[in-house]
Amino acid sequence: MLKKGDKKLIGAWAFYDWANSAYPLVITTAVFPIFYGMMTGGKGAKVHFLASEWNNTELYTYSLSFSFLIVAFISPMLSSIADYMGNKKRFMQFFCYLGASSVMALYFFNGVETLWVGLLFSVLASIGFWGSLVFYNAYLTEVAHPEQHDKVSAKGFIHGYIGSVILLVFILTMIMFPNWYGFIDHPLAKGEEPPIKVFHYGFVLVGLWWMGFAQYTFYYLPNNSFKRKPEKDFIFKGFKELRKVFKEIRQHPTIYIFLWSFFLFSAGIQTIIVLAAKFGADELGLPTLNLIVTILLIQIIAIIGATIFARISGKIGNIKTLKITIGIWIIVCFSAYLLPGESPNVDLYFYALGGFLGLVLGATQTLARSTYSKLIPEDTYDNATYFSFYDVTEKLAIVIGTLSFGLAMHFTNFSMRASVLVLAIYFFLGLIVMNFMKKTKYVK
């Protein structure tokens, strides 16, 4: 078994970001929201689901919120059981395979008559992705020493951005130039919509990419590195483990305050990630090509941002660096609100906004994960349980963020601009709460 701090072990851990990041980029952000809009009638279309009529965007937002609630409910219980039994790699594998197979099942979503397929498997894919991250993030404290956490966390996100961009570019060529692959004679660039099969094959590729590349990570990650020998009543013992960690968190004010700040700014970040493409399409009227180019731009600049801010945090500390990135997020929100939708140069403005967003996207996510890992007591073996509270905080934040976004749309005649201002409030409150954090040995 590779030792903690070993470069090969760290590389194998970071490679899971390469494997799974295709899901949030292709499915959550870039391709599936566009495909979902095509299949449900476009902007502002009404769809029937569960004997009720819904706005298609509103329904999609609420279904994602539902998936995050499920993860928030089950992850503390499962992670505490995994910590007690010492088998978090098995749980990570289960959620990985659930997510990857659900993404591939989106192949069978081809219109409003199969809307339930699109919603069901997008929810299950979301559960698989976020559920696996609970256990993946928990491994950070086992594969790297505290002084390595910033760089290692950044390495994971950078792997993810590079891998996901490679796959998205390939799928993008399928969408823009389907004739290259024998689908139709005319490319999307000439104005025609691509055939449904182009998207279907893209979904299958994402699932295979995720499941396939994850095998390298699973091969090297240790299972039961603390050599725990669970008793038969592991479920009851797991709940005791959960209660113990919750009490420990309450007794560590710095962790407690950080989780509150993380909850607030995550409500903004994750909602923007999920709905950025919908904002560009519905509010600004940007064509598919412009949206995907912007998303690619965000991913590429995020690589640079994660690297730069990881180095900055090494000089001025995690807390100050996080405050800088949150401040930039607030500027991004107000800039999005002020974007002139009628301007002939709106696409250029959107590209510039995407550049700023990319700069802080990787940085904030990287630093949030590494900061929390440094706050966890070094002598604990309950890493997954500790990180389950981190992930539950994030999932509840996404639920609140997406619900706030949807409700703001509902009460402002489906205006996404008002919803963006609501997200700015979350960032501002997160910044205020972070000011109450105290410095620790590794977090300054």
Foldseek 3Di string as FASTA:
>chain_A
DDAAPDPLLLVLLLLLLLQQLLCLLCCQFAPVVVVQQVQQPHAQGWADDPNDIDRSVLVLLQLQLVLLVVLLVCQLLVLLLCLQAQFLLVQLLVLLLQLLVLLLQCLPDRHSVVVVSVSVSVSSNSNSSLSNVLSSLLCLLRRYPLVCQLVSLLSSLLSNLVSSLVLLVVLVCCFQPVVVVPQDDHGCVVPDGGDPVSVSVSSNVSSCSNNVSNVSSSVSRDGSPVVRDHDPPSSVSSVVSLVVVVVVCVVQVQNVLLLLLLLLLLLLLVLCSRCVLVCCCHVQVDDSVLSSVLSNLLSVLLSVLSVVLSVVCVPVFLLVSLLVLLVLLLVLLVLSLPQDSPDPCSSVSSSVSSNSSSNSNNNNVSSSSSVQSSSPDSPDSSSSSSSSSSSSSSSVSNSVSSVLQSVLCVVVVRHNSSSSNVSSVSSVVSSVSSVPRDADPSGD
